[in-house]
Amino acid sequence: MKHIVCFGDSNTHGYRAEDNGRFDETQRWTQLLQKKLGGDYLVIEEGLSGRTTCFSDPIHEGLNGLDYIYPCLMSHEPVDLLIIMLGTNDTKERFGSSAACIALGLKRLIAKAIATTDCWRGGKPEILVVTPQNIGREYADTEVALTMGRGCAEKSEGLAAQYQQIAELMGCHYLDANQVISVGPNQIDYMHLTEEGHRQLAQALAEKISTIL
């Protein structure tokens, strides 16, 4: 089986804003992707709510993606494809980071993943960078803004251009979720995928992966 590691945050974990729960195995994009790809693939869910590319959160421990990428990849070796979809949490005001700096954090994460040479099947790293769906500007009028802080939506809107440059620089494949998801984020916190968003992302990723593996 070809091993695909999906390394992300709450939108990979499947957070459901309507009840502060989790979309089930018939709804999450990771599980939908598994179904679309079939039995020759193993889609591995590595989504953690609050995860960042490389920033250590002063409030919650264990959320720095850079710290966890090595044990993650090694525990799932051999890895055929790593999908990285991070950046939403990096926009939090407490990290004080611009879209360009968030992209540099992504670059560090990719470099460390590539350097984890023993995990890659055949020694050949294959990484797909996915720009997450933009945060809706309406988030500023919700309770989540109290902890996310100001300017998150604007920074998230700047990630696509920055991420595409980093993906090209690092020799990675690239997909912008904003170009393949036609529905907006949920209308509660305006930053998490809806059930339809999960479905559309899974379809787009299945098509993209067919050109990689």
N, C-alpha and C. Protein backbone atom coordinates (compact mmCIF):
# COMPACT_ATOMS: atom_id res chain seq x y z
N MET A 1 0.83 -1.20 0.00
CA MET A 1 0.00 0.00 0.00
C MET A 1 0.87 1.26 0.00
N LYS A 2 0.39 2.29 -0.66
CA LYS A 2 1.08 3.57 -0.66
C LYS A 2 0.62 4.38 0.55
N HIS A 3 1.57 4.86 1.33
CA HIS A 3 1.26 5.57 2.56
C HIS A 3 1.22 7.07 2.32
N ILE A 4 0.09 7.69 2.65
CA ILE A 4 -0.09 9.13 2.51
C ILE A 4 -0.34 9.71 3.91
N VAL A 5 0.58 10.56 4.37
CA VAL A 5 0.45 11.19 5.68
C VAL A 5 -0.15 12.58 5.51
N CYS A 6 -1.28 12.83 6.17
CA CYS A 6 -1.97 14.12 6.10
C CYS A 6 -1.65 14.90 7.37
N PHE A 7 -0.74 15.86 7.27
CA PHE A 7 -0.21 16.59 8.41
C PHE A 7 -0.85 17.97 8.46
N GLY A 8 -1.72 18.19 9.44
CA GLY A 8 -2.44 19.44 9.48
C GLY A 8 -2.93 19.82 10.86
N ASP A 9 -3.93 20.69 10.87
CA ASP A 9 -4.49 21.20 12.12
C ASP A 9 -5.93 20.71 12.29
N SER A 10 -6.79 21.55 12.84
CA SER A 10 -8.16 21.14 13.12
C SER A 10 -8.96 20.83 11.85
N ASN A 11 -8.58 21.45 10.74
CA ASN A 11 -9.29 21.16 9.49
C ASN A 11 -8.86 19.84 8.88
N THR A 12 -7.79 19.26 9.37
CA THR A 12 -7.43 17.89 9.01
C THR A 12 -8.00 16.92 10.04
N HIS A 13 -8.02 17.33 11.29
CA HIS A 13 -8.64 16.52 12.35
C HIS A 13 -10.14 16.37 12.12
N GLY A 14 -10.75 17.40 11.53
CA GLY A 14 -12.18 17.34 11.24
C GLY A 14 -13.05 18.07 12.22
N TYR A 15 -12.53 19.15 12.80
CA TYR A 15 -13.31 19.92 13.78
C TYR A 15 -14.63 20.40 13.18
N ARG A 16 -15.70 20.21 13.95
CA ARG A 16 -17.05 20.60 13.54
C ARG A 16 -17.52 21.73 14.45
N ALA A 17 -17.61 22.93 13.92
CA ALA A 17 -17.90 24.11 14.73
C ALA A 17 -19.31 24.13 15.29
N GLU A 18 -20.23 23.45 14.62
CA GLU A 18 -21.64 23.49 15.05
C GLU A 18 -21.83 23.01 16.48
N ASP A 19 -21.06 22.01 16.89
CA ASP A 19 -21.22 21.47 18.25
C ASP A 19 -19.89 21.26 18.96
N ASN A 20 -18.83 21.90 18.44
CA ASN A 20 -17.50 21.74 19.02
C ASN A 20 -17.06 20.27 19.02
N GLY A 21 -17.54 19.54 18.01
CA GLY A 21 -17.23 18.12 17.91
C GLY A 21 -16.32 17.83 16.73
N ARG A 22 -16.47 16.63 16.16
CA ARG A 22 -15.63 16.20 15.06
C ARG A 22 -16.47 15.51 13.99
N PHE A 23 -16.24 15.89 12.74
CA PHE A 23 -16.91 15.18 11.65
C PHE A 23 -16.51 13.70 11.72
N ASP A 24 -17.45 12.82 11.37
CA ASP A 24 -17.15 11.39 11.50
C ASP A 24 -16.45 10.84 10.26
N GLU A 25 -16.28 9.53 10.24
CA GLU A 25 -15.49 8.88 9.20
C GLU A 25 -16.14 8.93 7.82
N THR A 26 -17.41 9.29 7.76
CA THR A 26 -18.07 9.44 6.46
C THR A 26 -18.03 10.89 5.96
N GLN A 27 -17.43 11.79 6.76
CA GLN A 27 -17.49 13.21 6.45
C GLN A 27 -16.12 13.88 6.32
N ARG A 28 -15.12 13.41 7.05
CA ARG A 28 -13.81 14.06 7.02
C ARG A 28 -13.13 13.89 5.67
N TRP A 29 -12.43 14.92 5.22
CA TRP A 29 -11.79 14.84 3.90
C TRP A 29 -10.75 13.73 3.85
N THR A 30 -10.08 13.47 4.95
CA THR A 30 -9.08 12.41 4.96
C THR A 30 -9.71 11.04 4.69
N GLN A 31 -10.84 10.78 5.33
CA GLN A 31 -11.52 9.50 5.16
C GLN A 31 -12.21 9.42 3.78
N LEU A 32 -12.71 10.53 3.31
CA LEU A 32 -13.29 10.56 1.98
C LEU A 32 -12.22 10.32 0.92
N LEU A 33 -11.03 10.87 1.17
CA LEU A 33 -9.91 10.64 0.26
C LEU A 33 -9.52 9.17 0.23
N GLN A 34 -9.50 8.55 1.40
CA GLN A 34 -9.20 7.12 1.47
C GLN A 34 -10.18 6.32 0.62
N LYS A 35 -11.45 6.65 0.73
CA LYS A 35 -12.47 5.93 -0.03
C LYS A 35 -12.29 6.12 -1.53
N LYS A 36 -11.94 7.35 -1.94
CA LYS A 36 -11.78 7.63 -3.36
C LYS A 36 -10.54 6.94 -3.93
N LEU A 37 -9.47 6.88 -3.15
CA LEU A 37 -8.23 6.28 -3.64
C LEU A 37 -8.28 4.76 -3.65
N GLY A 38 -8.99 4.19 -2.69
CA GLY A 38 -9.15 2.74 -2.68
C GLY A 38 -8.11 1.99 -1.87
N GLY A 39 -8.18 0.68 -1.96
CA GLY A 39 -7.40 -0.20 -1.09
C GLY A 39 -5.92 -0.26 -1.34
N ASP A 40 -5.43 0.34 -2.42
CA ASP A 40 -4.00 0.35 -2.67
C ASP A 40 -3.29 1.48 -1.92
N TYR A 41 -4.08 2.28 -1.19
CA TYR A 41 -3.53 3.43 -0.47
C TYR A 41 -3.92 3.35 1.01
N LEU A 42 -3.05 3.88 1.86
CA LEU A 42 -3.35 4.05 3.28
C LEU A 42 -3.25 5.54 3.59
N VAL A 43 -4.38 6.18 3.86
CA VAL A 43 -4.41 7.61 4.19
C VAL A 43 -4.35 7.75 5.70
N ILE A 44 -3.31 8.40 6.19
CA ILE A 44 -3.03 8.48 7.62
C ILE A 44 -3.37 9.87 8.12
N GLU A 45 -4.28 9.95 9.08
CA GLU A 45 -4.73 11.23 9.64
C GLU A 45 -3.76 11.70 10.73
N GLU A 46 -3.15 12.84 10.51
CA GLU A 46 -2.28 13.45 11.52
C GLU A 46 -2.69 14.91 11.69
N GLY A 47 -3.95 15.11 12.08
CA GLY A 47 -4.47 16.44 12.30
C GLY A 47 -4.55 16.75 13.79
N LEU A 48 -4.05 17.91 14.18
CA LEU A 48 -4.07 18.34 15.57
C LEU A 48 -4.57 19.77 15.64
N SER A 49 -5.65 19.99 16.37
CA SER A 49 -6.21 21.33 16.51
C SER A 49 -5.18 22.28 17.12
N GLY A 50 -4.99 23.42 16.49
CA GLY A 50 -4.06 24.43 16.99
C GLY A 50 -2.66 24.31 16.44
N ARG A 51 -2.37 23.27 15.67
CA ARG A 51 -0.99 23.07 15.18
C ARG A 51 -0.56 24.22 14.27
N THR A 52 0.70 24.59 14.39
CA THR A 52 1.33 25.62 13.55
C THR A 52 2.45 24.99 12.72
N THR A 53 2.99 25.77 11.81
CA THR A 53 4.13 25.28 11.02
C THR A 53 5.36 25.14 11.90
N CYS A 54 5.70 26.20 12.65
CA CYS A 54 6.94 26.17 13.43
C CYS A 54 6.90 26.99 14.71
N PHE A 55 5.74 27.55 15.03
CA PHE A 55 5.64 28.41 16.20
C PHE A 55 5.21 27.64 17.44
N SER A 56 5.89 27.86 18.55
CA SER A 56 5.50 27.26 19.82
C SER A 56 4.48 28.16 20.50
N ASP A 57 3.32 27.62 20.80
CA ASP A 57 2.24 28.40 21.39
C ASP A 57 2.50 28.60 22.88
N PRO A 58 2.47 29.84 23.37
CA PRO A 58 2.72 30.08 24.79
C PRO A 58 1.58 29.63 25.70
N ILE A 59 0.43 29.29 25.12
CA ILE A 59 -0.73 28.90 25.91
C ILE A 59 -0.92 27.39 25.92
N HIS A 60 -0.69 26.74 24.77
CA HIS A 60 -0.92 25.30 24.66
C HIS A 60 0.36 24.60 24.20
N GLU A 61 0.67 23.46 24.81
CA GLU A 61 1.89 22.75 24.45
C GLU A 61 1.67 21.78 23.29
N GLY A 62 2.78 21.40 22.65
CA GLY A 62 2.76 20.35 21.66
C GLY A 62 2.20 20.71 20.31
N LEU A 63 2.08 21.99 19.99
CA LEU A 63 1.42 22.39 18.75
C LEU A 63 2.39 22.81 17.65
N ASN A 64 3.67 22.79 17.92
CA ASN A 64 4.68 23.19 16.95
C ASN A 64 4.92 22.05 15.96
N GLY A 65 4.50 22.24 14.71
CA GLY A 65 4.65 21.20 13.71
C GLY A 65 6.09 20.81 13.46
N LEU A 66 7.00 21.77 13.56
CA LEU A 66 8.41 21.49 13.32
C LEU A 66 8.96 20.50 14.33
N ASP A 67 8.48 20.56 15.56
CA ASP A 67 8.94 19.64 16.60
C ASP A 67 8.45 18.21 16.38
N TYR A 68 7.31 18.07 15.72
CA TYR A 68 6.67 16.74 15.63
C TYR A 68 6.85 16.04 14.28
N ILE A 69 7.31 16.76 13.27
CA ILE A 69 7.32 16.17 11.94
C ILE A 69 8.25 14.95 11.85
N TYR A 70 9.39 14.97 12.53
CA TYR A 70 10.30 13.82 12.46
C TYR A 70 9.67 12.56 13.05
N PRO A 71 9.21 12.56 14.32
CA PRO A 71 8.60 11.33 14.84
C PRO A 71 7.35 10.93 14.08
N CYS A 72 6.61 11.91 13.56
CA CYS A 72 5.42 11.60 12.78
C CYS A 72 5.79 10.80 11.54
N LEU A 73 6.72 11.29 10.77
CA LEU A 73 7.11 10.61 9.54
C LEU A 73 7.75 9.25 9.82
N MET A 74 8.59 9.20 10.83
CA MET A 74 9.28 7.94 11.12
C MET A 74 8.32 6.87 11.63
N SER A 75 7.27 7.29 12.33
CA SER A 75 6.31 6.31 12.85
C SER A 75 5.43 5.74 11.76
N HIS A 76 5.38 6.42 10.62
CA HIS A 76 4.53 5.95 9.52
C HIS A 76 5.33 5.49 8.30
N GLU A 77 6.64 5.35 8.46
CA GLU A 77 7.44 4.94 7.30
C GLU A 77 7.10 3.51 6.89
N PRO A 78 7.21 3.21 5.58
CA PRO A 78 7.67 4.10 4.51
C PRO A 78 6.57 5.05 4.04
N VAL A 79 6.93 6.30 3.83
CA VAL A 79 5.99 7.33 3.41
C VAL A 79 6.14 7.58 1.91
N ASP A 80 5.03 7.53 1.20
CA ASP A 80 5.04 7.82 -0.24
C ASP A 80 4.69 9.27 -0.53
N LEU A 81 3.84 9.87 0.30
CA LEU A 81 3.43 11.25 0.09
C LEU A 81 3.08 11.89 1.42
N LEU A 82 3.59 13.10 1.63
CA LEU A 82 3.24 13.91 2.78
C LEU A 82 2.41 15.10 2.29
N ILE A 83 1.20 15.23 2.84
CA ILE A 83 0.36 16.39 2.55
C ILE A 83 0.43 17.33 3.75
N ILE A 84 0.83 18.57 3.52
CA ILE A 84 0.90 19.57 4.59
C ILE A 84 -0.15 20.63 4.35
N MET A 85 -1.08 20.78 5.28
CA MET A 85 -2.08 21.85 5.21
C MET A 85 -2.10 22.56 6.55
N LEU A 86 -1.27 23.58 6.67
CA LEU A 86 -1.12 24.36 7.90
C LEU A 86 -1.05 25.84 7.56
N GLY A 87 -1.20 26.67 8.58
CA GLY A 87 -1.06 28.11 8.41
C GLY A 87 -2.17 28.91 9.05
N THR A 88 -3.34 28.31 9.21
CA THR A 88 -4.47 29.03 9.81
C THR A 88 -4.13 29.50 11.22
N ASN A 89 -3.58 28.61 12.03
CA ASN A 89 -3.25 28.98 13.41
C ASN A 89 -2.07 29.94 13.49
N ASP A 90 -1.19 29.89 12.50
CA ASP A 90 -0.03 30.78 12.48
C ASP A 90 -0.44 32.24 12.36
N THR A 91 -1.67 32.49 11.90
CA THR A 91 -2.13 33.87 11.74
C THR A 91 -2.52 34.51 13.06
N LYS A 92 -2.55 33.75 14.15
CA LYS A 92 -2.96 34.31 15.44
C LYS A 92 -2.10 35.51 15.81
N GLU A 93 -2.75 36.50 16.36
CA GLU A 93 -2.06 37.75 16.67
C GLU A 93 -0.90 37.54 17.62
N ARG A 94 -0.99 36.57 18.54
CA ARG A 94 0.06 36.38 19.53
C ARG A 94 1.38 35.90 18.93
N PHE A 95 1.35 35.40 17.68
CA PHE A 95 2.59 34.99 17.03
C PHE A 95 3.25 36.14 16.29
N GLY A 96 2.51 37.21 16.04
CA GLY A 96 3.08 38.41 15.43
C GLY A 96 3.73 38.16 14.09
N SER A 97 3.16 37.27 13.28
CA SER A 97 3.81 36.85 12.04
C SER A 97 2.99 37.26 10.82
N SER A 98 3.68 37.73 9.78
CA SER A 98 3.03 38.07 8.52
C SER A 98 2.86 36.83 7.66
N ALA A 99 2.14 36.95 6.56
CA ALA A 99 1.98 35.83 5.64
C ALA A 99 3.33 35.37 5.11
N ALA A 100 4.21 36.31 4.84
CA ALA A 100 5.55 35.95 4.33
C ALA A 100 6.34 35.18 5.38
N CYS A 101 6.23 35.57 6.65
CA CYS A 101 6.96 34.86 7.71
C CYS A 101 6.35 33.49 7.97
N ILE A 102 5.04 33.37 7.85
CA ILE A 102 4.39 32.07 8.00
C ILE A 102 4.89 31.13 6.90
N ALA A 103 5.05 31.66 5.70
CA ALA A 103 5.57 30.85 4.60
C ALA A 103 7.01 30.40 4.87
N LEU A 104 7.80 31.24 5.52
CA LEU A 104 9.15 30.84 5.87
C LEU A 104 9.12 29.72 6.92
N GLY A 105 8.11 29.76 7.79
CA GLY A 105 7.93 28.65 8.74
C GLY A 105 7.59 27.37 8.00
N LEU A 106 6.76 27.47 6.99
CA LEU A 106 6.45 26.31 6.15
C LEU A 106 7.71 25.78 5.48
N LYS A 107 8.57 26.69 5.01
CA LYS A 107 9.82 26.27 4.37
C LYS A 107 10.68 25.46 5.34
N ARG A 108 10.79 25.92 6.58
CA ARG A 108 11.56 25.17 7.58
C ARG A 108 10.97 23.78 7.79
N LEU A 109 9.65 23.70 7.86
CA LEU A 109 8.98 22.43 8.07
C LEU A 109 9.24 21.47 6.91
N ILE A 110 9.14 21.98 5.70
CA ILE A 110 9.40 21.16 4.51
C ILE A 110 10.84 20.67 4.51
N ALA A 111 11.77 21.56 4.82
CA ALA A 111 13.19 21.18 4.83
C ALA A 111 13.46 20.05 5.81
N LYS A 112 12.83 20.12 6.98
CA LYS A 112 13.03 19.08 7.97
C LYS A 112 12.40 17.77 7.51
N ALA A 113 11.23 17.84 6.86
CA ALA A 113 10.59 16.64 6.34
C ALA A 113 11.46 15.99 5.28
N ILE A 114 12.00 16.79 4.38
CA ILE A 114 12.87 16.25 3.33
C ILE A 114 14.11 15.60 3.94
N ALA A 115 14.63 16.22 5.00
CA ALA A 115 15.85 15.72 5.65
C ALA A 115 15.61 14.45 6.45
N THR A 116 14.36 14.09 6.68
CA THR A 116 14.05 12.84 7.38
C THR A 116 14.14 11.71 6.35
N THR A 117 15.34 11.47 5.89
CA THR A 117 15.57 10.62 4.71
C THR A 117 15.12 9.18 4.89
N ASP A 118 15.20 8.67 6.12
CA ASP A 118 14.89 7.25 6.34
C ASP A 118 13.40 6.94 6.22
N CYS A 119 12.56 7.95 6.20
CA CYS A 119 11.12 7.69 6.17
C CYS A 119 10.59 7.49 4.76
N TRP A 120 11.29 8.00 3.77
CA TRP A 120 10.74 8.05 2.41
C TRP A 120 10.95 6.73 1.67
N ARG A 121 9.91 6.22 1.10
CA ARG A 121 10.02 5.00 0.31
C ARG A 121 10.94 5.27 -0.89
N GLY A 122 11.95 4.46 -1.01
CA GLY A 122 12.90 4.64 -2.09
C GLY A 122 13.79 5.86 -1.93
N GLY A 123 13.72 6.51 -0.77
CA GLY A 123 14.55 7.69 -0.53
C GLY A 123 14.11 8.92 -1.29
N LYS A 124 12.89 8.91 -1.84
CA LYS A 124 12.43 10.02 -2.67
C LYS A 124 11.29 10.78 -1.98
N PRO A 125 11.55 11.97 -1.45
CA PRO A 125 10.49 12.76 -0.81
C PRO A 125 9.46 13.25 -1.82
N GLU A 126 8.20 13.07 -1.48
CA GLU A 126 7.09 13.63 -2.26
C GLU A 126 6.20 14.39 -1.28
N ILE A 127 6.11 15.71 -1.48
CA ILE A 127 5.36 16.56 -0.56
C ILE A 127 4.37 17.41 -1.34
N LEU A 128 3.14 17.42 -0.87
CA LEU A 128 2.08 18.25 -1.45
C LEU A 128 1.71 19.34 -0.44
N VAL A 129 1.97 20.57 -0.79
CA VAL A 129 1.61 21.72 0.04
C VAL A 129 0.20 22.18 -0.33
N VAL A 130 -0.66 22.29 0.66
CA VAL A 130 -2.03 22.76 0.44
C VAL A 130 -2.24 24.05 1.23
N THR A 131 -2.54 25.12 0.52
CA THR A 131 -2.93 26.35 1.21
C THR A 131 -4.32 26.17 1.78
N PRO A 132 -4.50 26.39 3.09
CA PRO A 132 -5.84 26.20 3.68
C PRO A 132 -6.83 27.24 3.19
N GLN A 133 -8.11 26.91 3.33
CA GLN A 133 -9.15 27.87 2.97
C GLN A 133 -9.00 29.13 3.81
N ASN A 134 -9.17 30.28 3.18
CA ASN A 134 -9.03 31.55 3.88
C ASN A 134 -10.00 31.67 5.04
N ILE A 135 -9.55 32.34 6.08
CA ILE A 135 -10.44 32.71 7.18
C ILE A 135 -11.37 33.81 6.69
N GLY A 136 -12.66 33.68 6.95
CA GLY A 136 -13.60 34.72 6.57
C GLY A 136 -13.44 35.94 7.47
N ARG A 137 -13.54 37.12 6.90
CA ARG A 137 -13.34 38.33 7.70
C ARG A 137 -14.41 38.49 8.78
N GLU A 138 -15.52 37.77 8.63
CA GLU A 138 -16.59 37.83 9.63
C GLU A 138 -16.16 37.25 10.97
N TYR A 139 -15.03 36.50 10.98
CA TYR A 139 -14.57 35.90 12.24
C TYR A 139 -14.37 36.96 13.32
N ALA A 140 -14.04 38.19 12.88
CA ALA A 140 -13.73 39.26 13.82
C ALA A 140 -14.91 39.62 14.72
N ASP A 141 -16.10 39.22 14.32
CA ASP A 141 -17.30 39.51 15.11
C ASP A 141 -17.77 38.31 15.91
N THR A 142 -16.95 37.27 16.01
CA THR A 142 -17.31 36.07 16.76
C THR A 142 -16.44 35.96 18.01
N GLU A 143 -16.82 35.02 18.87
CA GLU A 143 -16.06 34.83 20.11
C GLU A 143 -14.63 34.37 19.87
N VAL A 144 -14.41 33.65 18.77
CA VAL A 144 -13.08 33.13 18.51
C VAL A 144 -12.07 34.25 18.30
N ALA A 145 -12.55 35.43 17.93
CA ALA A 145 -11.65 36.56 17.72
C ALA A 145 -10.96 36.98 19.01
N LEU A 146 -11.58 36.66 20.14
CA LEU A 146 -10.99 37.03 21.43
C LEU A 146 -9.65 36.34 21.65
N THR A 147 -9.48 35.14 21.11
CA THR A 147 -8.21 34.43 21.26
C THR A 147 -7.37 34.43 19.99
N MET A 148 -8.01 34.48 18.83
CA MET A 148 -7.25 34.56 17.57
C MET A 148 -6.57 35.92 17.43
N GLY A 149 -7.27 36.98 17.86
CA GLY A 149 -6.73 38.32 17.73
C GLY A 149 -7.11 38.97 16.41
N ARG A 150 -6.46 40.06 16.12
CA ARG A 150 -6.79 40.87 14.94
C ARG A 150 -5.96 40.47 13.73
N GLY A 151 -6.50 40.74 12.54
CA GLY A 151 -5.74 40.62 11.31
C GLY A 151 -5.57 39.23 10.76
N CYS A 152 -6.22 38.24 11.34
CA CYS A 152 -6.01 36.85 10.91
C CYS A 152 -6.53 36.61 9.50
N ALA A 153 -7.70 37.13 9.18
CA ALA A 153 -8.26 36.89 7.85
C ALA A 153 -7.37 37.49 6.77
N GLU A 154 -6.90 38.70 7.01
CA GLU A 154 -6.06 39.36 6.01
C GLU A 154 -4.76 38.59 5.80
N LYS A 155 -4.17 38.09 6.88
CA LYS A 155 -2.94 37.30 6.73
C LYS A 155 -3.21 36.00 5.99
N SER A 156 -4.33 35.36 6.30
CA SER A 156 -4.64 34.09 5.63
C SER A 156 -4.83 34.29 4.14
N GLU A 157 -5.37 35.44 3.76
CA GLU A 157 -5.57 35.74 2.34
C GLU A 157 -4.24 35.89 1.59
N GLY A 158 -3.19 36.17 2.32
CA GLY A 158 -1.88 36.33 1.69
C GLY A 158 -1.07 35.06 1.60
N LEU A 159 -1.58 33.96 2.17
CA LEU A 159 -0.80 32.73 2.21
C LEU A 159 -0.64 32.06 0.85
N ALA A 160 -1.67 32.08 0.02
CA ALA A 160 -1.62 31.33 -1.24
C ALA A 160 -0.42 31.72 -2.10
N ALA A 161 -0.24 33.01 -2.32
CA ALA A 161 0.87 33.45 -3.16
C ALA A 161 2.21 33.08 -2.54
N GLN A 162 2.32 33.24 -1.23
CA GLN A 162 3.56 32.92 -0.53
C GLN A 162 3.84 31.41 -0.55
N TYR A 163 2.81 30.63 -0.31
CA TYR A 163 2.97 29.17 -0.26
C TYR A 163 3.34 28.60 -1.63
N GLN A 164 2.76 29.15 -2.67
CA GLN A 164 3.08 28.66 -4.01
C GLN A 164 4.56 28.88 -4.32
N GLN A 165 5.08 30.03 -3.93
CA GLN A 165 6.50 30.31 -4.14
C GLN A 165 7.38 29.33 -3.36
N ILE A 166 7.00 29.06 -2.11
CA ILE A 166 7.77 28.13 -1.29
C ILE A 166 7.71 26.72 -1.87
N ALA A 167 6.54 26.30 -2.30
CA ALA A 167 6.40 24.97 -2.89
C ALA A 167 7.29 24.82 -4.11
N GLU A 168 7.31 25.82 -4.96
CA GLU A 168 8.16 25.77 -6.15
C GLU A 168 9.63 25.76 -5.77
N LEU A 169 10.00 26.58 -4.81
CA LEU A 169 11.39 26.66 -4.36
C LEU A 169 11.89 25.34 -3.78
N MET A 170 11.01 24.65 -3.04
CA MET A 170 11.40 23.42 -2.35
C MET A 170 11.10 22.16 -3.15
N GLY A 171 10.62 22.32 -4.38
CA GLY A 171 10.35 21.16 -5.22
C GLY A 171 9.14 20.35 -4.80
N CYS A 172 8.14 21.03 -4.26
CA CYS A 172 6.93 20.36 -3.78
C CYS A 172 5.78 20.53 -4.77
N HIS A 173 4.82 19.67 -4.68
CA HIS A 173 3.56 19.83 -5.41
C HIS A 173 2.72 20.86 -4.65
N TYR A 174 1.74 21.44 -5.33
CA TYR A 174 0.99 22.54 -4.70
C TYR A 174 -0.49 22.50 -5.08
N LEU A 175 -1.33 22.84 -4.10
CA LEU A 175 -2.77 22.98 -4.32
C LEU A 175 -3.29 24.09 -3.40
N ASP A 176 -4.10 24.97 -3.96
CA ASP A 176 -4.74 26.02 -3.17
C ASP A 176 -6.18 25.61 -2.91
N ALA A 177 -6.51 25.35 -1.65
CA ALA A 177 -7.86 24.91 -1.31
C ALA A 177 -8.90 25.94 -1.73
N ASN A 178 -8.52 27.20 -1.77
CA ASN A 178 -9.47 28.25 -2.15
C ASN A 178 -9.90 28.14 -3.61
N GLN A 179 -9.11 27.45 -4.40
CA GLN A 179 -9.43 27.30 -5.82
C GLN A 179 -10.28 26.06 -6.10
N VAL A 180 -10.41 25.18 -5.11
CA VAL A 180 -11.15 23.94 -5.34
C VAL A 180 -12.36 23.78 -4.43
N ILE A 181 -12.49 24.64 -3.42
CA ILE A 181 -13.65 24.62 -2.53
C ILE A 181 -14.51 25.83 -2.88
N SER A 182 -15.72 25.56 -3.35
CA SER A 182 -16.59 26.65 -3.80
C SER A 182 -17.47 27.22 -2.69
N VAL A 183 -17.61 26.48 -1.59
CA VAL A 183 -18.41 26.97 -0.46
C VAL A 183 -17.49 27.64 0.55
N GLY A 184 -18.03 28.60 1.28
CA GLY A 184 -17.23 29.28 2.29
C GLY A 184 -17.06 28.43 3.53
N PRO A 185 -16.25 28.90 4.48
CA PRO A 185 -16.15 28.20 5.76
C PRO A 185 -17.46 28.31 6.53
N ASN A 186 -17.56 27.61 7.64
CA ASN A 186 -18.81 27.65 8.41
C ASN A 186 -19.12 29.07 8.87
N GLN A 187 -20.37 29.32 9.21
CA GLN A 187 -20.81 30.66 9.60
C GLN A 187 -20.90 30.81 11.12
N ILE A 188 -20.07 30.04 11.82
CA ILE A 188 -19.99 30.17 13.28
C ILE A 188 -18.67 30.83 13.67
N ASP A 189 -17.55 30.22 13.22
CA ASP A 189 -16.25 30.84 13.49
C ASP A 189 -15.55 31.32 12.21
N TYR A 190 -16.11 30.96 11.06
CA TYR A 190 -15.62 31.42 9.76
C TYR A 190 -14.18 31.00 9.46
N MET A 191 -13.75 29.86 10.03
CA MET A 191 -12.41 29.39 9.74
C MET A 191 -12.28 27.88 9.65
N HIS A 192 -13.39 27.17 9.81
CA HIS A 192 -13.34 25.71 9.68
C HIS A 192 -14.21 25.26 8.51
N LEU A 193 -13.76 24.20 7.87
CA LEU A 193 -14.47 23.66 6.72
C LEU A 193 -15.86 23.17 7.10
N THR A 194 -16.78 23.33 6.18
CA THR A 194 -18.09 22.71 6.31
C THR A 194 -18.01 21.27 5.81
N GLU A 195 -19.08 20.51 5.99
CA GLU A 195 -19.10 19.15 5.47
C GLU A 195 -18.92 19.15 3.95
N GLU A 196 -19.54 20.08 3.28
CA GLU A 196 -19.38 20.17 1.83
C GLU A 196 -17.95 20.57 1.47
N GLY A 197 -17.35 21.42 2.27
CA GLY A 197 -15.96 21.78 2.03
C GLY A 197 -15.04 20.58 2.13
N HIS A 198 -15.28 19.72 3.11
CA HIS A 198 -14.50 18.48 3.23
C HIS A 198 -14.67 17.63 1.98
N ARG A 199 -15.89 17.54 1.49
CA ARG A 199 -16.15 16.70 0.32
C ARG A 199 -15.42 17.24 -0.91
N GLN A 200 -15.49 18.54 -1.11
CA GLN A 200 -14.85 19.13 -2.28
C GLN A 200 -13.33 19.03 -2.20
N LEU A 201 -12.77 19.21 -1.01
CA LEU A 201 -11.32 19.10 -0.86
C LEU A 201 -10.86 17.68 -1.14
N ALA A 202 -11.60 16.69 -0.64
CA ALA A 202 -11.24 15.29 -0.88
C ALA A 202 -11.22 14.97 -2.37
N GLN A 203 -12.21 15.47 -3.10
CA GLN A 203 -12.29 15.22 -4.54
C GLN A 203 -11.09 15.83 -5.25
N ALA A 204 -10.76 17.07 -4.91
CA ALA A 204 -9.64 17.75 -5.56
C ALA A 204 -8.31 17.06 -5.24
N LEU A 205 -8.16 16.62 -4.01
CA LEU A 205 -6.92 15.95 -3.63
C LEU A 205 -6.78 14.60 -4.31
N ALA A 206 -7.87 13.89 -4.44
CA ALA A 206 -7.82 12.60 -5.14
C ALA A 206 -7.35 12.79 -6.58
N GLU A 207 -7.86 13.82 -7.23
CA GLU A 207 -7.45 14.11 -8.60
C GLU A 207 -5.99 14.53 -8.65
N LYS A 208 -5.55 15.33 -7.70
CA LYS A 208 -4.17 15.78 -7.67
C LYS A 208 -3.21 14.62 -7.41
N ILE A 209 -3.57 13.77 -6.46
CA ILE A 209 -2.70 12.65 -6.10
C ILE A 209 -2.54 11.68 -7.26
N SER A 210 -3.55 11.57 -8.08
CA SER A 210 -3.47 10.66 -9.24
C SER A 210 -2.38 11.10 -10.21
N THR A 211 -1.96 12.36 -10.13
CA THR A 211 -0.89 12.84 -11.00
C THR A 211 0.48 12.73 -10.33
N ILE A 212 0.50 12.36 -9.03
CA ILE A 212 1.75 12.29 -8.27
C ILE A 212 2.21 10.86 -8.05
N LEU A 213 1.27 10.01 -7.59
CA LEU A 213 1.62 8.63 -7.26
C LEU A 213 1.07 7.66 -8.30
